[in-house]
N, C-alpha and C. Protein backbone atom coordinates (compact mmCIF):
# COMPACT_ATOMS: atom_id res chain seq x y z
N PHE A 1 -20.63 68.63 -142.34
CA PHE A 1 -20.53 67.25 -142.80
C PHE A 1 -21.55 66.38 -142.09
N ILE A 2 -21.53 65.14 -142.40
CA ILE A 2 -22.48 64.19 -141.84
C ILE A 2 -21.99 63.74 -140.47
N ARG A 3 -22.95 63.52 -139.57
CA ARG A 3 -22.61 63.01 -138.25
C ARG A 3 -21.95 61.65 -138.42
N MET A 4 -20.77 61.51 -137.86
CA MET A 4 -20.05 60.25 -137.97
C MET A 4 -20.54 59.27 -136.92
N ALA A 5 -20.56 58.01 -137.31
CA ALA A 5 -21.02 56.96 -136.41
C ALA A 5 -20.00 56.74 -135.30
N SER A 6 -20.45 56.11 -134.25
CA SER A 6 -19.51 55.78 -133.18
C SER A 6 -18.57 54.69 -133.67
N ALA A 7 -17.46 54.54 -133.01
CA ALA A 7 -16.44 53.60 -133.45
C ALA A 7 -16.97 52.18 -133.55
N GLY A 8 -17.94 51.82 -132.75
CA GLY A 8 -18.45 50.46 -132.75
C GLY A 8 -19.22 50.09 -134.00
N ASP A 9 -19.92 51.03 -134.64
CA ASP A 9 -20.69 50.67 -135.82
C ASP A 9 -20.11 51.27 -137.10
N ASP A 10 -18.85 51.66 -137.06
CA ASP A 10 -18.18 52.21 -138.23
C ASP A 10 -17.52 51.07 -139.01
N ASP A 11 -17.84 50.96 -140.28
CA ASP A 11 -17.25 49.91 -141.09
C ASP A 11 -15.89 50.31 -141.65
N GLY A 12 -15.38 51.42 -141.24
CA GLY A 12 -14.10 51.92 -141.74
C GLY A 12 -14.29 52.92 -142.84
N GLY A 13 -15.40 52.87 -143.54
CA GLY A 13 -15.66 53.79 -144.63
C GLY A 13 -15.93 55.20 -144.17
N ARG A 14 -16.72 55.36 -143.12
CA ARG A 14 -17.04 56.70 -142.62
C ARG A 14 -15.80 57.40 -142.09
N ALA A 15 -14.98 56.68 -141.38
CA ALA A 15 -13.76 57.29 -140.84
C ALA A 15 -12.83 57.68 -141.99
N GLU A 16 -12.73 56.84 -142.99
CA GLU A 16 -11.90 57.14 -144.15
C GLU A 16 -12.43 58.37 -144.89
N ILE A 17 -13.73 58.45 -145.07
CA ILE A 17 -14.35 59.59 -145.75
C ILE A 17 -14.11 60.87 -144.95
N ALA A 18 -14.27 60.80 -143.64
CA ALA A 18 -14.03 61.98 -142.80
C ALA A 18 -12.58 62.43 -142.89
N THR A 19 -11.66 61.49 -142.88
CA THR A 19 -10.23 61.81 -142.98
C THR A 19 -9.92 62.47 -144.32
N LEU A 20 -10.48 61.92 -145.39
CA LEU A 20 -10.26 62.50 -146.71
C LEU A 20 -10.80 63.93 -146.78
N CYS A 21 -11.99 64.14 -146.23
CA CYS A 21 -12.59 65.48 -146.23
C CYS A 21 -11.73 66.47 -145.45
N GLU A 22 -11.24 66.06 -144.31
CA GLU A 22 -10.38 66.93 -143.51
C GLU A 22 -9.12 67.31 -144.27
N ARG A 23 -8.53 66.33 -144.97
CA ARG A 23 -7.31 66.60 -145.73
C ARG A 23 -7.57 67.58 -146.87
N ILE A 24 -8.70 67.44 -147.53
CA ILE A 24 -9.02 68.31 -148.66
C ILE A 24 -9.28 69.73 -148.17
N VAL A 25 -10.08 69.88 -147.12
CA VAL A 25 -10.44 71.21 -146.63
C VAL A 25 -9.25 71.91 -146.00
N SER A 26 -8.40 71.17 -145.31
CA SER A 26 -7.25 71.80 -144.66
C SER A 26 -6.20 72.29 -145.66
N ASP A 27 -6.08 71.59 -146.79
CA ASP A 27 -5.12 72.01 -147.82
C ASP A 27 -5.70 71.65 -149.19
N PRO A 28 -6.57 72.52 -149.73
CA PRO A 28 -7.23 72.21 -150.99
C PRO A 28 -6.27 71.91 -152.14
N GLU A 29 -5.15 72.61 -152.17
CA GLU A 29 -4.21 72.38 -153.27
C GLU A 29 -3.70 70.95 -153.26
N ALA A 30 -3.29 70.46 -152.11
CA ALA A 30 -2.79 69.09 -152.01
C ALA A 30 -3.94 68.08 -152.07
N GLY A 31 -5.10 68.47 -151.58
CA GLY A 31 -6.23 67.55 -151.54
C GLY A 31 -6.85 67.27 -152.89
N LEU A 32 -6.70 68.19 -153.82
CA LEU A 32 -7.28 68.02 -155.15
C LEU A 32 -6.29 67.47 -156.17
N ARG A 33 -5.03 67.62 -155.90
CA ARG A 33 -4.00 67.20 -156.85
C ARG A 33 -3.43 65.85 -156.45
N ALA A 34 -3.24 64.98 -157.42
CA ALA A 34 -2.68 63.65 -157.15
C ALA A 34 -1.22 63.81 -156.73
N PRO A 35 -0.79 63.03 -155.74
CA PRO A 35 0.60 63.11 -155.32
C PRO A 35 1.53 62.57 -156.40
N ALA A 36 2.75 63.01 -156.39
CA ALA A 36 3.72 62.54 -157.37
C ALA A 36 3.94 61.04 -157.22
N ALA A 37 4.11 60.38 -158.33
CA ALA A 37 4.33 58.93 -158.31
C ALA A 37 5.70 58.63 -157.71
N VAL A 38 5.75 57.57 -156.96
CA VAL A 38 7.00 57.13 -156.36
C VAL A 38 7.68 56.20 -157.37
N GLU A 39 8.98 56.35 -157.52
CA GLU A 39 9.71 55.55 -158.48
C GLU A 39 9.51 54.07 -158.19
N GLY A 40 9.24 53.31 -159.22
CA GLY A 40 9.02 51.88 -159.07
C GLY A 40 7.58 51.51 -158.76
N GLU A 41 6.75 52.50 -158.53
CA GLU A 41 5.35 52.23 -158.24
C GLU A 41 4.60 52.03 -159.55
N SER A 42 3.90 50.92 -159.65
CA SER A 42 3.26 50.58 -160.92
C SER A 42 1.91 51.26 -161.11
N ARG A 43 1.15 51.47 -160.04
CA ARG A 43 -0.17 52.08 -160.23
C ARG A 43 -0.16 53.55 -159.86
N ARG A 44 -1.09 54.25 -160.47
CA ARG A 44 -1.21 55.69 -160.29
C ARG A 44 -1.72 56.00 -158.89
N ARG A 45 -1.16 57.02 -158.28
CA ARG A 45 -1.62 57.43 -156.95
C ARG A 45 -2.77 58.41 -157.11
N LEU A 46 -3.74 58.31 -156.23
CA LEU A 46 -4.93 59.15 -156.31
C LEU A 46 -4.88 60.26 -155.26
N SER A 47 -5.45 61.39 -155.62
CA SER A 47 -5.58 62.49 -154.66
C SER A 47 -6.68 62.14 -153.67
N PRO A 48 -6.72 62.80 -152.51
CA PRO A 48 -7.82 62.56 -151.58
C PRO A 48 -9.19 62.79 -152.22
N MET A 49 -9.31 63.80 -153.09
CA MET A 49 -10.60 64.06 -153.74
C MET A 49 -10.95 62.94 -154.71
N GLN A 50 -9.98 62.45 -155.44
CA GLN A 50 -10.24 61.33 -156.36
C GLN A 50 -10.69 60.09 -155.59
N ARG A 51 -10.08 59.85 -154.45
CA ARG A 51 -10.48 58.71 -153.63
C ARG A 51 -11.89 58.89 -153.09
N LEU A 52 -12.22 60.12 -152.64
CA LEU A 52 -13.55 60.41 -152.12
C LEU A 52 -14.60 60.22 -153.22
N LEU A 53 -14.32 60.74 -154.40
CA LEU A 53 -15.25 60.57 -155.52
C LEU A 53 -15.36 59.12 -155.96
N GLY A 54 -14.30 58.36 -155.75
CA GLY A 54 -14.35 56.92 -156.04
C GLY A 54 -15.37 56.21 -155.16
N TYR A 55 -15.46 56.62 -153.90
CA TYR A 55 -16.47 56.03 -153.01
C TYR A 55 -17.89 56.32 -153.49
N CYS A 56 -18.06 57.48 -154.14
CA CYS A 56 -19.41 57.87 -154.60
C CYS A 56 -19.95 56.91 -155.65
N GLY A 57 -19.10 56.38 -156.47
CA GLY A 57 -19.56 55.51 -157.55
C GLY A 57 -19.21 54.05 -157.37
N GLU A 58 -18.67 53.71 -156.23
CA GLU A 58 -18.24 52.34 -155.97
C GLU A 58 -19.45 51.41 -155.91
N GLU A 59 -19.58 50.56 -156.89
CA GLU A 59 -20.75 49.68 -156.99
C GLU A 59 -20.83 48.67 -155.84
N THR A 60 -19.69 48.27 -155.31
CA THR A 60 -19.69 47.28 -154.25
C THR A 60 -19.96 47.88 -152.87
N ALA A 61 -19.93 49.21 -152.78
CA ALA A 61 -20.16 49.87 -151.50
C ALA A 61 -21.65 49.88 -151.17
N SER A 62 -21.95 49.92 -149.90
CA SER A 62 -23.35 49.99 -149.47
C SER A 62 -23.94 51.34 -149.88
N ALA A 63 -25.25 51.38 -149.98
CA ALA A 63 -25.93 52.63 -150.35
C ALA A 63 -25.64 53.71 -149.31
N GLU A 64 -25.57 53.34 -148.04
CA GLU A 64 -25.29 54.32 -147.00
C GLU A 64 -23.91 54.93 -147.17
N ARG A 65 -22.92 54.10 -147.47
CA ARG A 65 -21.56 54.59 -147.65
C ARG A 65 -21.49 55.52 -148.86
N ARG A 66 -22.17 55.17 -149.93
CA ARG A 66 -22.20 56.03 -151.11
C ARG A 66 -22.90 57.36 -150.81
N MET A 67 -23.97 57.31 -150.01
CA MET A 67 -24.66 58.54 -149.62
C MET A 67 -23.74 59.45 -148.82
N VAL A 68 -23.04 58.87 -147.87
CA VAL A 68 -22.12 59.66 -147.03
C VAL A 68 -21.04 60.28 -147.92
N ALA A 69 -20.53 59.51 -148.87
CA ALA A 69 -19.49 60.03 -149.76
C ALA A 69 -20.03 61.15 -150.65
N LEU A 70 -21.24 60.99 -151.20
CA LEU A 70 -21.83 62.03 -152.06
C LEU A 70 -22.05 63.33 -151.30
N VAL A 71 -22.65 63.22 -150.12
CA VAL A 71 -22.93 64.43 -149.33
C VAL A 71 -21.62 65.07 -148.88
N SER A 72 -20.67 64.27 -148.47
CA SER A 72 -19.38 64.81 -148.02
C SER A 72 -18.62 65.49 -149.15
N ALA A 73 -18.59 64.87 -150.33
CA ALA A 73 -17.89 65.47 -151.47
C ALA A 73 -18.55 66.79 -151.87
N THR A 74 -19.88 66.82 -151.82
CA THR A 74 -20.60 68.06 -152.14
C THR A 74 -20.25 69.14 -151.13
N ALA A 75 -20.25 68.80 -149.85
CA ALA A 75 -19.93 69.77 -148.81
C ALA A 75 -18.50 70.28 -148.94
N VAL A 76 -17.58 69.39 -149.28
CA VAL A 76 -16.18 69.80 -149.44
C VAL A 76 -16.05 70.78 -150.59
N LEU A 77 -16.66 70.47 -151.73
CA LEU A 77 -16.55 71.38 -152.87
C LEU A 77 -17.24 72.71 -152.61
N VAL A 78 -18.36 72.69 -151.92
CA VAL A 78 -19.04 73.94 -151.56
C VAL A 78 -18.15 74.78 -150.66
N ASP A 79 -17.38 74.13 -149.81
CA ASP A 79 -16.49 74.83 -148.90
C ASP A 79 -15.24 75.35 -149.61
N VAL A 80 -14.69 74.57 -150.53
CA VAL A 80 -13.42 74.89 -151.16
C VAL A 80 -13.58 75.83 -152.36
N VAL A 81 -14.58 75.61 -153.18
CA VAL A 81 -14.70 76.35 -154.44
C VAL A 81 -14.85 77.86 -154.25
N PRO A 82 -15.69 78.36 -153.35
CA PRO A 82 -15.83 79.82 -153.24
C PRO A 82 -14.54 80.53 -152.87
N SER A 83 -13.64 79.85 -152.20
CA SER A 83 -12.39 80.49 -151.80
C SER A 83 -11.33 80.42 -152.89
N SER A 84 -11.67 79.81 -154.00
CA SER A 84 -10.70 79.63 -155.07
C SER A 84 -11.14 80.34 -156.33
N ARG A 85 -10.19 80.83 -157.05
CA ARG A 85 -10.46 81.44 -158.35
C ARG A 85 -10.33 80.33 -159.38
N ILE A 86 -11.37 80.14 -160.16
CA ILE A 86 -11.34 79.07 -161.15
C ILE A 86 -11.52 79.69 -162.53
N ARG A 87 -10.55 79.42 -163.38
CA ARG A 87 -10.63 79.87 -164.76
C ARG A 87 -9.81 78.92 -165.59
N THR A 88 -10.41 78.36 -166.61
CA THR A 88 -9.65 77.46 -167.49
C THR A 88 -8.84 78.31 -168.47
N ALA A 89 -7.65 77.87 -168.74
CA ALA A 89 -6.76 78.58 -169.63
C ALA A 89 -7.20 78.38 -171.08
N THR A 90 -7.05 79.42 -171.87
CA THR A 90 -7.35 79.31 -173.30
C THR A 90 -6.23 78.52 -173.97
N ALA A 91 -6.48 78.09 -175.20
CA ALA A 91 -5.48 77.33 -175.94
C ALA A 91 -4.19 78.14 -176.10
N ALA A 92 -4.35 79.43 -176.39
CA ALA A 92 -3.18 80.30 -176.55
C ALA A 92 -2.40 80.41 -175.25
N GLU A 93 -3.09 80.52 -174.14
CA GLU A 93 -2.42 80.61 -172.83
C GLU A 93 -1.69 79.32 -172.49
N ARG A 94 -2.27 78.19 -172.86
CA ARG A 94 -1.62 76.90 -172.58
C ARG A 94 -0.34 76.73 -173.40
N GLU A 95 -0.29 77.35 -174.58
CA GLU A 95 0.88 77.24 -175.45
C GLU A 95 2.03 78.12 -174.99
N GLN A 96 1.73 79.18 -174.27
CA GLN A 96 2.77 80.10 -173.81
C GLN A 96 3.62 79.46 -172.73
N GLN A 97 4.84 79.90 -172.64
CA GLN A 97 5.71 79.43 -171.58
C GLN A 97 5.20 80.00 -170.26
N GLN A 98 5.23 79.19 -169.21
CA GLN A 98 4.66 79.58 -167.93
C GLN A 98 5.71 79.46 -166.83
N THR A 99 5.55 80.30 -165.83
CA THR A 99 6.38 80.14 -164.65
C THR A 99 5.87 78.94 -163.87
N LYS A 100 6.66 78.47 -162.95
CA LYS A 100 6.24 77.33 -162.13
C LYS A 100 4.97 77.65 -161.35
N GLU A 101 4.88 78.88 -160.87
CA GLU A 101 3.72 79.28 -160.08
C GLU A 101 2.44 79.27 -160.93
N VAL A 102 2.53 79.80 -162.14
CA VAL A 102 1.37 79.82 -163.03
C VAL A 102 1.00 78.41 -163.43
N TYR A 103 1.99 77.59 -163.72
CA TYR A 103 1.74 76.19 -164.08
C TYR A 103 1.02 75.47 -162.94
N ARG A 104 1.49 75.68 -161.71
CA ARG A 104 0.87 75.04 -160.54
C ARG A 104 -0.56 75.52 -160.35
N LEU A 105 -0.79 76.82 -160.53
CA LEU A 105 -2.14 77.38 -160.40
C LEU A 105 -3.07 76.79 -161.45
N ARG A 106 -2.62 76.66 -162.66
CA ARG A 106 -3.45 76.09 -163.73
C ARG A 106 -3.74 74.61 -163.47
N GLN A 107 -2.78 73.90 -162.95
CA GLN A 107 -3.01 72.49 -162.60
C GLN A 107 -4.05 72.39 -161.50
N GLN A 108 -3.98 73.29 -160.51
CA GLN A 108 -4.94 73.32 -159.40
C GLN A 108 -6.34 73.61 -159.92
N GLU A 109 -6.45 74.60 -160.80
CA GLU A 109 -7.76 74.94 -161.36
C GLU A 109 -8.32 73.79 -162.18
N ALA A 110 -7.48 73.13 -162.96
CA ALA A 110 -7.93 72.00 -163.76
C ALA A 110 -8.39 70.85 -162.87
N ALA A 111 -7.69 70.61 -161.78
CA ALA A 111 -8.08 69.55 -160.85
C ALA A 111 -9.41 69.86 -160.19
N MET A 112 -9.63 71.13 -159.86
CA MET A 112 -10.89 71.52 -159.23
C MET A 112 -12.06 71.36 -160.20
N VAL A 113 -11.88 71.81 -161.43
CA VAL A 113 -12.93 71.68 -162.44
C VAL A 113 -13.22 70.20 -162.71
N SER A 114 -12.17 69.41 -162.82
CA SER A 114 -12.33 67.98 -163.05
C SER A 114 -13.08 67.31 -161.90
N SER A 115 -12.74 67.66 -160.68
CA SER A 115 -13.43 67.09 -159.51
C SER A 115 -14.90 67.48 -159.49
N TYR A 116 -15.17 68.73 -159.80
CA TYR A 116 -16.55 69.22 -159.83
C TYR A 116 -17.35 68.47 -160.91
N GLU A 117 -16.77 68.34 -162.10
CA GLU A 117 -17.46 67.63 -163.18
C GLU A 117 -17.72 66.17 -162.81
N ARG A 118 -16.74 65.53 -162.20
CA ARG A 118 -16.91 64.13 -161.81
C ARG A 118 -18.00 64.00 -160.74
N LEU A 119 -18.05 64.92 -159.79
CA LEU A 119 -19.09 64.88 -158.76
C LEU A 119 -20.47 65.07 -159.38
N VAL A 120 -20.58 66.01 -160.30
CA VAL A 120 -21.88 66.24 -160.94
C VAL A 120 -22.32 64.99 -161.70
N ARG A 121 -21.39 64.31 -162.38
CA ARG A 121 -21.74 63.06 -163.07
C ARG A 121 -22.22 62.00 -162.08
N ARG A 122 -21.51 61.88 -160.95
CA ARG A 122 -21.90 60.89 -159.93
C ARG A 122 -23.28 61.21 -159.36
N LEU A 123 -23.53 62.50 -159.11
CA LEU A 123 -24.84 62.90 -158.59
C LEU A 123 -25.94 62.62 -159.61
N ALA A 124 -25.67 62.88 -160.88
CA ALA A 124 -26.66 62.62 -161.92
C ALA A 124 -26.96 61.13 -162.02
N GLU A 125 -25.92 60.30 -161.96
CA GLU A 125 -26.11 58.85 -162.01
C GLU A 125 -26.94 58.37 -160.83
N ALA A 126 -26.59 58.85 -159.65
CA ALA A 126 -27.28 58.42 -158.43
C ALA A 126 -28.71 58.94 -158.39
N SER A 127 -28.96 60.12 -158.92
CA SER A 127 -30.31 60.69 -158.86
C SER A 127 -31.28 59.94 -159.76
N ARG A 128 -30.77 59.23 -160.76
CA ARG A 128 -31.64 58.42 -161.61
C ARG A 128 -32.13 57.16 -160.90
N GLY A 129 -31.43 56.79 -159.84
CA GLY A 129 -31.80 55.60 -159.09
C GLY A 129 -32.97 55.85 -158.17
N ARG A 130 -33.47 54.79 -157.64
CA ARG A 130 -34.59 54.90 -156.69
C ARG A 130 -34.06 54.74 -155.28
N GLY A 131 -34.89 55.07 -154.35
CA GLY A 131 -34.55 54.88 -152.95
C GLY A 131 -33.83 56.07 -152.37
N ALA A 132 -33.24 55.83 -151.23
CA ALA A 132 -32.61 56.91 -150.45
C ALA A 132 -31.44 57.53 -151.19
N LEU A 133 -30.64 56.73 -151.90
CA LEU A 133 -29.48 57.26 -152.61
C LEU A 133 -29.90 58.27 -153.67
N GLY A 134 -30.94 57.97 -154.42
CA GLY A 134 -31.44 58.89 -155.43
C GLY A 134 -31.96 60.18 -154.81
N GLY A 135 -32.64 60.07 -153.68
CA GLY A 135 -33.16 61.26 -152.99
C GLY A 135 -32.06 62.15 -152.47
N VAL A 136 -31.02 61.53 -151.91
CA VAL A 136 -29.88 62.30 -151.40
C VAL A 136 -29.15 62.99 -152.54
N ALA A 137 -28.96 62.27 -153.63
CA ALA A 137 -28.27 62.86 -154.79
C ALA A 137 -29.05 64.04 -155.36
N THR A 138 -30.35 63.92 -155.40
CA THR A 138 -31.18 65.00 -155.93
C THR A 138 -31.08 66.24 -155.04
N ARG A 139 -31.03 66.06 -153.72
CA ARG A 139 -30.92 67.20 -152.81
C ARG A 139 -29.55 67.85 -152.85
N CYS A 140 -28.53 67.08 -153.19
CA CYS A 140 -27.17 67.66 -153.26
C CYS A 140 -27.08 68.57 -154.46
């Protein structure tokens, strides 16, 4: 991952990004899947990966923060994906009755593919830009 700044010059974003990355890598299943909604909660809860990818495209964030998020998300997926089996279910397989374990595995695979697709879109958007952010996105 990227060298984290000292506490004095951290705007809170780097520490948050590092925490999200640690949560995803330590438990990929929980890190990629959104937590269950709490009763009475009006807005949707985001998974750590969804939050990390949100930093990548956050227009109000500084270019440096977006760069850190892009590189970190890429590193996390490079670390997590090889250890996981990814296969999207066919339409026939989705129609069949599934055990809880199979259902959970398919949800995990779908979350991983969705995260990967979203990261690739963010990298493509950023690579069209000029400056350091575009260069970092192109290298990722």
